[in-house]
Amino acid sequence: ELTISLDVTVRGKIARPLIGILTKNKYGVFVFGYSNGHLKQNIPLEPGDHTIHFRFIWPCLGRDSYAITVAVGDGMVEKYLLHQSIADAFVVESLTEHDFPGLFRVQDPRMDVDTHS
């Protein structure tokens, strides 16, 4: 499990906080991300200091560097006002046991052959 903790200082009331992360590969291609809006989870953010924790299992991505952007806004996933965004806030190195082609490894890959006479 990976935990990303985001320290946030809220100066004014945010009616509908939208807090999320976005992960991109070295070519800038969006790989995955999520927010409390996608989780349908209300995150109350009154004025003051808060720490927001994103917890998830890191997917089986190809061996490479991945930049994570964090953002805080007000609104819904479809339409929001961005309050703060830190592009490429940090980089995660994905180290896998085996190298494979593509962005991610297929879970439990198998092949079999049916021979027809």
C-alpha atoms as a PDB file:
ATOM      1  CA  GLU A   1       0.000   0.000   0.000  1.00  0.00           C
ATOM      2  CA  LEU A   2       1.210   3.460  -0.909  1.00  0.00           C
ATOM      3  CA  THR A   3       0.192   6.507   1.121  1.00  0.00           C
ATOM      4  CA  ILE A   4       0.499  10.030  -0.233  1.00  0.00           C
ATOM      5  CA  SER A   5      -0.051  12.672   2.425  1.00  0.00           C
ATOM      6  CA  LEU A   6      -0.944  16.208   1.446  1.00  0.00           C
ATOM      7  CA  ASP A   7      -0.704  19.051   3.979  1.00  0.00           C
ATOM      8  CA  VAL A   8      -3.281  21.724   3.195  1.00  0.00           C
ATOM      9  CA  THR A   9      -3.934  25.122   4.788  1.00  0.00           C
ATOM     10  CA  VAL A  10      -7.440  26.349   4.074  1.00  0.00           C
ATOM     11  CA  ARG A  11      -7.895  30.103   4.415  1.00  0.00           C
ATOM     12  CA  GLY A  12     -11.596  30.291   3.558  1.00  0.00           C
ATOM     13  CA  LYS A  13     -14.522  27.896   3.473  1.00  0.00           C
ATOM     14  CA  ILE A  14     -14.553  25.553   0.480  1.00  0.00           C
ATOM     15  CA  ALA A  15     -18.171  24.606  -0.213  1.00  0.00           C
ATOM     16  CA  ARG A  16     -17.497  21.332  -2.088  1.00  0.00           C
ATOM     17  CA  PRO A  17     -13.835  20.378  -1.729  1.00  0.00           C
ATOM     18  CA  LEU A  18     -12.419  18.323  -4.598  1.00  0.00           C
ATOM     19  CA  ILE A  19      -8.998  16.849  -3.790  1.00  0.00           C
ATOM     20  CA  GLY A  20      -7.165  14.520  -6.109  1.00  0.00           C
ATOM     21  CA  ILE A  21      -3.990  13.064  -7.543  1.00  0.00           C
ATOM     22  CA  LEU A  22      -2.964  12.443 -11.140  1.00  0.00           C
ATOM     23  CA  THR A  23      -0.154  10.143 -12.238  1.00  0.00           C
ATOM     24  CA  LYS A  24       1.680  10.536 -15.556  1.00  0.00           C
ATOM     25  CA  ASN A  25       4.495   8.622 -17.189  1.00  0.00           C
ATOM     26  CA  LYS A  26       7.711  10.220 -18.457  1.00  0.00           C
ATOM     27  CA  TYR A  27       5.980  11.146 -21.729  1.00  0.00           C
ATOM     28  CA  GLY A  28       3.250  13.071 -19.893  1.00  0.00           C
ATOM     29  CA  VAL A  29       0.608  10.426 -20.610  1.00  0.00           C
ATOM     30  CA  PHE A  30      -2.086  10.176 -17.922  1.00  0.00           C
ATOM     31  CA  VAL A  31      -1.839   6.714 -16.333  1.00  0.00           C
ATOM     32  CA  PHE A  32      -4.223   6.880 -13.364  1.00  0.00           C
ATOM     33  CA  GLY A  33      -5.607   9.136 -10.705  1.00  0.00           C
ATOM     34  CA  TYR A  34      -8.517   9.621  -8.387  1.00  0.00           C
ATOM     35  CA  SER A  35     -10.219  12.170  -6.188  1.00  0.00           C
ATOM     36  CA  ASN A  36     -12.762  12.248  -3.425  1.00  0.00           C
ATOM     37  CA  GLY A  37     -15.262  13.121  -6.173  1.00  0.00           C
ATOM     38  CA  HIS A  38     -14.583   9.824  -7.957  1.00  0.00           C
ATOM     39  CA  LEU A  39     -14.941   8.033  -4.616  1.00  0.00           C
ATOM     40  CA  LYS A  40     -18.165   9.947  -3.897  1.00  0.00           C
ATOM     41  CA  GLN A  41     -16.666  10.913  -0.564  1.00  0.00           C
ATOM     42  CA  ASN A  42     -17.320  14.288   1.046  1.00  0.00           C
ATOM     43  CA  ILE A  43     -14.157  15.772   2.564  1.00  0.00           C
ATOM     44  CA  PRO A  44     -15.042  18.650   4.882  1.00  0.00           C
ATOM     45  CA  LEU A  45     -12.406  21.384   4.725  1.00  0.00           C
ATOM     46  CA  GLU A  46     -13.071  24.197   7.166  1.00  0.00           C
ATOM     47  CA  PRO A  47     -10.480  26.977   7.520  1.00  0.00           C
ATOM     48  CA  GLY A  48      -7.341  25.670   9.206  1.00  0.00           C
ATOM     49  CA  ASP A  49      -4.618  23.064   8.679  1.00  0.00           C
ATOM     50  CA  HIS A  50      -5.434  19.588   7.398  1.00  0.00           C
ATOM     51  CA  THR A  51      -3.540  16.502   6.252  1.00  0.00           C
ATOM     52  CA  ILE A  52      -5.217  14.489   3.499  1.00  0.00           C
ATOM     53  CA  HIS A  53      -4.082  10.903   2.956  1.00  0.00           C
ATOM     54  CA  PHE A  54      -4.443   9.069  -0.353  1.00  0.00           C
ATOM     55  CA  ARG A  55      -4.027   5.316   0.190  1.00  0.00           C
ATOM     56  CA  PHE A  56      -3.951   2.740  -2.587  1.00  0.00           C
ATOM     57  CA  ILE A  57      -2.163  -0.318  -3.909  1.00  0.00           C
ATOM     58  CA  TRP A  58       0.401   0.782  -6.485  1.00  0.00           C
ATOM     59  CA  PRO A  59      -0.544  -0.856  -9.806  1.00  0.00           C
ATOM     60  CA  CYS A  60       1.856  -3.161 -11.601  1.00  0.00           C
ATOM     61  CA  LEU A  61       3.265  -0.537 -13.933  1.00  0.00           C
ATOM     62  CA  GLY A  62       6.288  -0.924 -16.167  1.00  0.00           C
ATOM     63  CA  ARG A  63       9.697  -0.177 -14.689  1.00  0.00           C
ATOM     64  CA  ASP A  64       9.912   3.603 -15.057  1.00  0.00           C
ATOM     65  CA  SER A  65       9.450   6.993 -13.393  1.00  0.00           C
ATOM     66  CA  TYR A  66       5.949   8.348 -12.748  1.00  0.00           C
ATOM     67  CA  ALA A  67       5.191  11.957 -11.766  1.00  0.00           C
ATOM     68  CA  ILE A  68       2.328  12.654  -9.390  1.00  0.00           C
ATOM     69  CA  THR A  69       0.372  15.914  -9.464  1.00  0.00           C
ATOM     70  CA  VAL A  70      -1.793  16.932  -6.500  1.00  0.00           C
ATOM     71  CA  ALA A  71      -4.677  19.403  -6.625  1.00  0.00           C
ATOM     72  CA  VAL A  72      -7.383  20.997  -4.476  1.00  0.00           C
ATOM     73  CA  GLY A  73     -10.477  22.569  -5.953  1.00  0.00           C
ATOM     74  CA  ASP A  74     -14.087  23.431  -5.229  1.00  0.00           C
ATOM     75  CA  GLY A  75     -16.915  21.739  -7.110  1.00  0.00           C
ATOM     76  CA  MET A  76     -17.594  18.420  -8.794  1.00  0.00           C
ATOM     77  CA  VAL A  77     -15.414  16.228 -11.008  1.00  0.00           C
ATOM     78  CA  GLU A  78     -17.231  17.508 -14.106  1.00  0.00           C
ATOM     79  CA  LYS A  79     -16.958  21.218 -13.200  1.00  0.00           C
ATOM     80  CA  TYR A  80     -14.768  22.773 -10.540  1.00  0.00           C
ATOM     81  CA  LEU A  81     -12.752  25.826  -9.569  1.00  0.00           C
ATOM     82  CA  LEU A  82      -9.079  24.961  -9.063  1.00  0.00           C
ATOM     83  CA  HIS A  83      -7.636  26.483  -5.895  1.00  0.00           C
ATOM     84  CA  GLN A  84      -4.146  24.952  -5.906  1.00  0.00           C
ATOM     85  CA  SER A  85      -2.294  22.450  -8.043  1.00  0.00           C
ATOM     86  CA  ILE A  86       1.296  21.275  -7.811  1.00  0.00           C
ATOM     87  CA  ALA A  87       2.255  19.689 -11.107  1.00  0.00           C
ATOM     88  CA  ASP A  88       4.734  16.837 -10.827  1.00  0.00           C
ATOM     89  CA  ALA A  89       4.919  17.338  -7.041  1.00  0.00           C
ATOM     90  CA  PHE A  90       7.113  14.258  -6.781  1.00  0.00           C
ATOM     91  CA  VAL A  91       8.309  11.274  -8.788  1.00  0.00           C
ATOM     92  CA  VAL A  92       7.802   7.602  -7.961  1.00  0.00           C
ATOM     93  CA  GLU A  93      10.082   4.934  -9.381  1.00  0.00           C
ATOM     94  CA  SER A  94       8.216   1.756 -10.246  1.00  0.00           C
ATOM     95  CA  LEU A  95      10.483  -1.233  -9.728  1.00  0.00           C
ATOM     96  CA  THR A  96       9.054  -4.521 -10.899  1.00  0.00           C
ATOM     97  CA  GLU A  97      10.518  -8.012 -10.633  1.00  0.00           C
ATOM     98  CA  HIS A  98      10.252  -8.617 -14.365  1.00  0.00           C
ATOM     99  CA  ASP A  99      10.351  -6.218 -17.257  1.00  0.00           C
ATOM    100  CA  PHE A 100       7.399  -6.336 -19.654  1.00  0.00           C
ATOM    101  CA  PRO A 101       6.204  -4.293 -22.634  1.00  0.00           C
ATOM    102  CA  GLY A 102       3.599  -1.565 -22.207  1.00  0.00           C
ATOM    103  CA  LEU A 103       2.452   0.630 -19.349  1.00  0.00           C
ATOM    104  CA  PHE A 104       1.294  -2.133 -17.036  1.00  0.00           C
ATOM    105  CA  ARG A 105       1.428  -5.878 -16.614  1.00  0.00           C
ATOM    106  CA  VAL A 106      -1.699  -7.949 -17.167  1.00  0.00           C
ATOM    107  CA  GLN A 107      -2.725  -9.715 -13.967  1.00  0.00           C
ATOM    108  CA  ASP A 108      -2.408 -13.514 -14.047  1.00  0.00           C
ATOM    109  CA  PRO A 109      -1.587 -13.889 -17.786  1.00  0.00           C
ATOM    110  CA  ARG A 110      -2.130 -17.349 -19.311  1.00  0.00           C
ATOM    111  CA  MET A 111      -2.088 -18.981 -22.724  1.00  0.00           C
ATOM    112  CA  ASP A 112      -3.243 -22.324 -23.955  1.00  0.00           C
ATOM    113  CA  VAL A 113      -3.632 -23.965 -27.330  1.00  0.00           C
ATOM    114  CA  ASP A 114      -6.523 -26.019 -28.640  1.00  0.00           C
ATOM    115  CA  THR A 115      -5.439 -28.317 -31.474  1.00  0.00           C
ATOM    116  CA  HIS A 116      -8.135 -29.173 -34.019  1.00  0.00           C
ATOM    117  CA  SER A 117      -7.924 -32.232 -36.235  1.00  0.00           C
END
